Amino acid sequence: MNLSSKTFCPAPFVHMYVHKNEDNKLCCETMENEMASPSTETDLEKRWKSDYYKNIRQQFLDGEEPDICSKCFAIEKHNGISDRIWLNRIYQDILEPNIETGNQYNSPIDLDIRPGNLCNLKCRMCGPESSSQIEKETLQHPDLFKGFHSQDIQHRGCIFRKES
C-alpha cells in the first residue's frame, strides 16, 4: 500500500467527524451530497464499518481523489496546507490501513465531535453551522450573508462552493 502517494488521506482510516448541524460527514472538510450516515444514526461502529467508509478507503488506496475531498486538493493546488497534509504528517509512520476496519485498532483513533454551534466567538473561518454568534449575525443582517448557504464552505477565510 502506497501511503506516500500524492492523493492518500488517512482520514477515513483514523478519523470520525460528528456534527449536530452538519449530519455525519467523513471529516469537517468533505463536501458530501449524501452523508456518511444520517444525523439520526447513533451507531458509530456501524457507520465506521459501513460500505460508504470502505469505498472511500479503497479509493485512497487506489491512488484516486474522491470527489468529496475536492476541497483539500483545491487548497493544495493553490500551495496551501490542507487537513489531508496535516493528517498524513501525523499518521504516516503509525497507520496500518485496513479497508474493512480502518486501521490496526479496528476503530477511529481521532474523533471530532461537535455537539452544536454554541460559541461565543465569530472566527472568520467558521460559518453559522459552527458559530451561534455568526448565526445570530446572519439572521440580523441577511444581506451581509447573501449567497451563503450550506453548500458554501468557509475555510481559512475563503469560501469554496460545491460544483453541481
C-alpha atoms as a PDB file:
ATOM      1  CA  MET A   1       0.000   0.000   0.000  1.00  0.00           C
ATOM      2  CA  ASN A   2       1.405   3.349  -1.025  1.00  0.00           C
ATOM      3  CA  LEU A   3       0.660   5.689   1.865  1.00  0.00           C
ATOM      4  CA  SER A   4       3.052   8.261   0.458  1.00  0.00           C
ATOM      5  CA  SER A   5       1.077   8.766  -2.757  1.00  0.00           C
ATOM      6  CA  LYS A   6       0.135  12.321  -3.705  1.00  0.00           C
ATOM      7  CA  THR A   7      -3.548  11.534  -3.119  1.00  0.00           C
ATOM      8  CA  PHE A   8      -3.607   9.380   0.035  1.00  0.00           C
ATOM      9  CA  CYS A   9      -5.513  10.697   3.054  1.00  0.00           C
ATOM     10  CA  PRO A  10      -5.636   8.863   6.385  1.00  0.00           C
ATOM     11  CA  ALA A  11      -8.949  10.472   7.430  1.00  0.00           C
ATOM     12  CA  PRO A  12     -11.246   7.548   6.536  1.00  0.00           C
ATOM     13  CA  PHE A  13      -8.796   5.178   8.245  1.00  0.00           C
ATOM     14  CA  VAL A  14      -8.355   7.073  11.534  1.00  0.00           C
ATOM     15  CA  HIS A  15     -10.883   9.903  11.815  1.00  0.00           C
ATOM     16  CA  MET A  16     -14.584  10.272  12.553  1.00  0.00           C
ATOM     17  CA  TYR A  17     -16.469  13.575  12.400  1.00  0.00           C
ATOM     18  CA  VAL A  18     -19.831  14.042  14.107  1.00  0.00           C
ATOM     19  CA  HIS A  19     -21.549  17.448  13.988  1.00  0.00           C
ATOM     20  CA  LYS A  20     -25.088  18.064  15.164  1.00  0.00           C
ATOM     21  CA  ASN A  21     -25.775  20.666  12.475  1.00  0.00           C
ATOM     22  CA  GLU A  22     -23.982  19.093   9.513  1.00  0.00           C
ATOM     23  CA  ASP A  23     -25.024  15.449   9.711  1.00  0.00           C
ATOM     24  CA  ASN A  24     -22.262  12.869   9.777  1.00  0.00           C
ATOM     25  CA  LYS A  25     -19.679  13.678   7.151  1.00  0.00           C
ATOM     26  CA  LEU A  26     -16.424  11.822   6.610  1.00  0.00           C
ATOM     27  CA  CYS A  27     -14.499  14.791   8.009  1.00  0.00           C
ATOM     28  CA  CYS A  28     -15.073  18.504   8.534  1.00  0.00           C
ATOM     29  CA  GLU A  29     -13.606  19.277   5.106  1.00  0.00           C
ATOM     30  CA  THR A  30     -15.533  16.842   2.903  1.00  0.00           C
ATOM     31  CA  MET A  31     -18.269  18.066   0.612  1.00  0.00           C
ATOM     32  CA  GLU A  32     -20.775  15.247   0.506  1.00  0.00           C
ATOM     33  CA  ASN A  33     -24.078  15.390  -1.297  1.00  0.00           C
ATOM     34  CA  GLU A  34     -25.030  12.226   0.550  1.00  0.00           C
ATOM     35  CA  MET A  35     -23.776  11.990   4.090  1.00  0.00           C
ATOM     36  CA  ALA A  36     -21.814   9.100   5.540  1.00  0.00           C
ATOM     37  CA  SER A  37     -24.898   8.460   7.654  1.00  0.00           C
ATOM     38  CA  PRO A  38     -27.968  10.483   8.606  1.00  0.00           C
ATOM     39  CA  SER A  39     -27.792  12.639  11.719  1.00  0.00           C
ATOM     40  CA  THR A  40     -30.185  10.191  13.393  1.00  0.00           C
ATOM     41  CA  GLU A  41     -27.652   7.328  13.063  1.00  0.00           C
ATOM     42  CA  THR A  42     -26.152   6.881  16.520  1.00  0.00           C
ATOM     43  CA  ASP A  43     -24.378   3.564  15.991  1.00  0.00           C
ATOM     44  CA  LEU A  44     -20.916   4.907  15.234  1.00  0.00           C
ATOM     45  CA  GLU A  45     -19.411   1.430  14.938  1.00  0.00           C
ATOM     46  CA  LYS A  46     -21.917   0.614  12.198  1.00  0.00           C
ATOM     47  CA  ARG A  47     -21.007   3.860  10.464  1.00  0.00           C
ATOM     48  CA  TRP A  48     -17.243   3.204  10.809  1.00  0.00           C
ATOM     49  CA  LYS A  49     -17.582  -0.195   9.114  1.00  0.00           C
ATOM     50  CA  SER A  50     -20.131   0.959   6.506  1.00  0.00           C
ATOM     51  CA  ASP A  51     -19.785   0.482   2.763  1.00  0.00           C
ATOM     52  CA  TYR A  52     -19.528   4.264   2.488  1.00  0.00           C
ATOM     53  CA  TYR A  53     -16.298   4.352   4.514  1.00  0.00           C
ATOM     54  CA  LYS A  54     -14.938   1.230   2.812  1.00  0.00           C
ATOM     55  CA  ASN A  55     -15.493   2.751  -0.624  1.00  0.00           C
ATOM     56  CA  ILE A  56     -13.619   5.965   0.262  1.00  0.00           C
ATOM     57  CA  ARG A  57     -10.795   3.961   1.865  1.00  0.00           C
ATOM     58  CA  GLN A  58     -10.463   1.876  -1.296  1.00  0.00           C
ATOM     59  CA  GLN A  59     -10.365   4.992  -3.475  1.00  0.00           C
ATOM     60  CA  PHE A  60      -7.461   6.404  -1.464  1.00  0.00           C
ATOM     61  CA  LEU A  61      -5.569   3.115  -1.553  1.00  0.00           C
ATOM     62  CA  ASP A  62      -6.087   3.031  -5.325  1.00  0.00           C
ATOM     63  CA  GLY A  63      -4.477   6.483  -5.619  1.00  0.00           C
ATOM     64  CA  GLU A  64      -7.732   8.214  -6.542  1.00  0.00           C
ATOM     65  CA  GLU A  65      -9.004  11.648  -5.483  1.00  0.00           C
ATOM     66  CA  PRO A  66     -12.538  11.087  -4.146  1.00  0.00           C
ATOM     67  CA  ASP A  67     -14.945  13.802  -5.312  1.00  0.00           C
ATOM     68  CA  ILE A  68     -15.975  14.622  -1.747  1.00  0.00           C
ATOM     69  CA  CYS A  69     -12.350  15.518  -0.969  1.00  0.00           C
ATOM     70  CA  SER A  70     -12.047  18.179  -3.658  1.00  0.00           C
ATOM     71  CA  LYS A  71     -11.667  20.925  -1.049  1.00  0.00           C
ATOM     72  CA  CYS A  72      -8.337  19.622   0.276  1.00  0.00           C
ATOM     73  CA  PHE A  73      -6.989  19.053  -3.229  1.00  0.00           C
ATOM     74  CA  ALA A  74      -8.069  22.584  -4.249  1.00  0.00           C
ATOM     75  CA  ILE A  75      -6.253  24.065  -1.241  1.00  0.00           C
ATOM     76  CA  GLU A  76      -3.116  22.125  -2.166  1.00  0.00           C
ATOM     77  CA  LYS A  77      -3.274  23.198  -5.817  1.00  0.00           C
ATOM     78  CA  HIS A  78      -3.024  26.784  -4.535  1.00  0.00           C
ATOM     79  CA  ASN A  79       0.018  25.858  -2.412  1.00  0.00           C
ATOM     80  CA  GLY A  80      -1.989  25.655   0.799  1.00  0.00           C
ATOM     81  CA  ILE A  81      -1.630  23.147   3.614  1.00  0.00           C
ATOM     82  CA  SER A  82      -4.804  21.060   3.732  1.00  0.00           C
ATOM     83  CA  ASP A  83      -6.070  18.895   6.554  1.00  0.00           C
ATOM     84  CA  ARG A  84      -5.094  15.920   4.361  1.00  0.00           C
ATOM     85  CA  ILE A  85      -1.451  17.025   4.510  1.00  0.00           C
ATOM     86  CA  TRP A  86      -1.617  17.533   8.301  1.00  0.00           C
ATOM     87  CA  LEU A  87      -3.181  14.119   8.855  1.00  0.00           C
ATOM     88  CA  ASN A  88      -0.536  12.482   6.660  1.00  0.00           C
ATOM     89  CA  ARG A  89       2.211  14.102   8.739  1.00  0.00           C
ATOM     90  CA  ILE A  90       0.646  12.847  11.969  1.00  0.00           C
ATOM     91  CA  TYR A  91      -0.188   9.282  10.921  1.00  0.00           C
ATOM     92  CA  GLN A  92       2.351   8.403   8.207  1.00  0.00           C
ATOM     93  CA  ASP A  93       4.560   6.306  10.486  1.00  0.00           C
ATOM     94  CA  ILE A  94       1.928   4.624  12.647  1.00  0.00           C
ATOM     95  CA  LEU A  95      -1.022   3.847  10.365  1.00  0.00           C
ATOM     96  CA  GLU A  96      -1.679   0.316   9.158  1.00  0.00           C
ATOM     97  CA  PRO A  97      -4.673   0.883   6.843  1.00  0.00           C
ATOM     98  CA  ASN A  98      -7.403  -1.699   6.611  1.00  0.00           C
ATOM     99  CA  ILE A  99     -10.342  -1.282   4.233  1.00  0.00           C
ATOM    100  CA  GLU A 100     -12.758  -3.231   6.441  1.00  0.00           C
ATOM    101  CA  THR A 101     -11.881  -1.796   9.863  1.00  0.00           C
ATOM    102  CA  GLY A 102      -9.944   1.374   9.054  1.00  0.00           C
ATOM    103  CA  ASN A 103      -6.741   0.557  10.891  1.00  0.00           C
ATOM    104  CA  GLN A 104      -4.925  -1.888  13.135  1.00  0.00           C
ATOM    105  CA  TYR A 105      -7.115  -0.855  16.114  1.00  0.00           C
ATOM    106  CA  ASN A 106     -10.406  -1.529  14.286  1.00  0.00           C
ATOM    107  CA  SER A 107     -11.841   1.841  15.361  1.00  0.00           C
ATOM    108  CA  PRO A 108     -11.301   5.581  14.906  1.00  0.00           C
ATOM    109  CA  ILE A 109      -8.154   6.961  16.516  1.00  0.00           C
ATOM    110  CA  ASP A 110      -9.185  10.596  16.101  1.00  0.00           C
ATOM    111  CA  LEU A 111     -12.682  11.848  16.967  1.00  0.00           C
ATOM    112  CA  ASP A 112     -14.012  15.290  16.039  1.00  0.00           C
ATOM    113  CA  ILE A 113     -17.296  15.617  17.906  1.00  0.00           C
ATOM    114  CA  ARG A 114     -19.165  18.902  17.660  1.00  0.00           C
ATOM    115  CA  PRO A 115     -22.453  18.795  19.566  1.00  0.00           C
ATOM    116  CA  GLY A 116     -23.746  22.056  18.100  1.00  0.00           C
ATOM    117  CA  ASN A 117     -22.871  25.604  17.157  1.00  0.00           C
ATOM    118  CA  LEU A 118     -22.862  27.258  20.605  1.00  0.00           C
ATOM    119  CA  CYS A 119     -19.805  29.506  20.562  1.00  0.00           C
ATOM    120  CA  ASN A 120     -19.075  32.979  21.886  1.00  0.00           C
ATOM    121  CA  LEU A 121     -16.632  33.746  19.085  1.00  0.00           C
ATOM    122  CA  LYS A 122     -17.077  34.859  15.486  1.00  0.00           C
ATOM    123  CA  CYS A 123     -13.949  33.421  13.899  1.00  0.00           C
ATOM    124  CA  ARG A 124     -13.556  34.228  10.237  1.00  0.00           C
ATOM    125  CA  MET A 125     -13.073  30.597   9.229  1.00  0.00           C
ATOM    126  CA  CYS A 126     -16.404  29.484  10.677  1.00  0.00           C
ATOM    127  CA  GLY A 127     -19.919  29.749   9.374  1.00  0.00           C
ATOM    128  CA  PRO A 128     -23.327  29.762  11.052  1.00  0.00           C
ATOM    129  CA  GLU A 129     -23.257  25.944  11.338  1.00  0.00           C
ATOM    130  CA  SER A 130     -20.298  26.206  13.741  1.00  0.00           C
ATOM    131  CA  SER A 131     -20.842  29.564  15.482  1.00  0.00           C
ATOM    132  CA  SER A 132     -24.011  30.715  17.221  1.00  0.00           C
ATOM    133  CA  GLN A 133     -22.666  34.287  17.087  1.00  0.00           C
ATOM    134  CA  ILE A 134     -22.300  34.159  13.301  1.00  0.00           C
ATOM    135  CA  GLU A 135     -25.721  32.511  13.067  1.00  0.00           C
ATOM    136  CA  LYS A 136     -27.208  35.398  15.084  1.00  0.00           C
ATOM    137  CA  GLU A 137     -25.498  37.939  12.822  1.00  0.00           C
ATOM    138  CA  THR A 138     -26.739  36.073   9.753  1.00  0.00           C
ATOM    139  CA  LEU A 139     -30.314  36.327  11.000  1.00  0.00           C
ATOM    140  CA  GLN A 140     -29.940  40.010  11.936  1.00  0.00           C
ATOM    141  CA  HIS A 141     -28.227  41.036   8.682  1.00  0.00           C
ATOM    142  CA  PRO A 142     -29.175  38.568   5.945  1.00  0.00           C
ATOM    143  CA  ASP A 143     -27.950  40.985   3.258  1.00  0.00           C
ATOM    144  CA  LEU A 144     -24.361  40.584   4.558  1.00  0.00           C
ATOM    145  CA  PHE A 145     -24.565  36.837   4.017  1.00  0.00           C
ATOM    146  CA  LYS A 146     -26.398  36.927   0.708  1.00  0.00           C
ATOM    147  CA  GLY A 147     -25.478  33.851  -1.290  1.00  0.00           C
ATOM    148  CA  PHE A 148     -24.115  31.972   1.723  1.00  0.00           C
ATOM    149  CA  HIS A 149     -25.866  28.678   2.346  1.00  0.00           C
ATOM    150  CA  SER A 150     -24.986  25.199   3.495  1.00  0.00           C
ATOM    151  CA  GLN A 151     -23.374  24.310   0.161  1.00  0.00           C
ATOM    152  CA  ASP A 152     -20.814  27.062   0.734  1.00  0.00           C
ATOM    153  CA  ILE A 153     -17.896  26.073   2.863  1.00  0.00           C
ATOM    154  CA  GLN A 154     -15.788  28.680   4.627  1.00  0.00           C
ATOM    155  CA  HIS A 155     -12.191  27.642   5.096  1.00  0.00           C
ATOM    156  CA  ARG A 156      -9.409  29.810   6.432  1.00  0.00           C
ATOM    157  CA  GLY A 157     -11.051  32.999   5.189  1.00  0.00           C
ATOM    158  CA  CYS A 158     -12.056  31.638   1.756  1.00  0.00           C
ATOM    159  CA  ILE A 159     -15.389  30.387   0.509  1.00  0.00           C
ATOM    160  CA  PHE A 160     -15.448  27.264  -1.627  1.00  0.00           C
ATOM    161  CA  ARG A 161     -18.669  26.403  -3.419  1.00  0.00           C
ATOM    162  CA  LYS A 162     -19.567  22.851  -4.312  1.00  0.00           C
ATOM    163  CA  GLU A 163     -19.749  22.360  -8.028  1.00  0.00           C
ATOM    164  CA  SER A 164     -23.088  20.959  -9.096  1.00  0.00           C
END
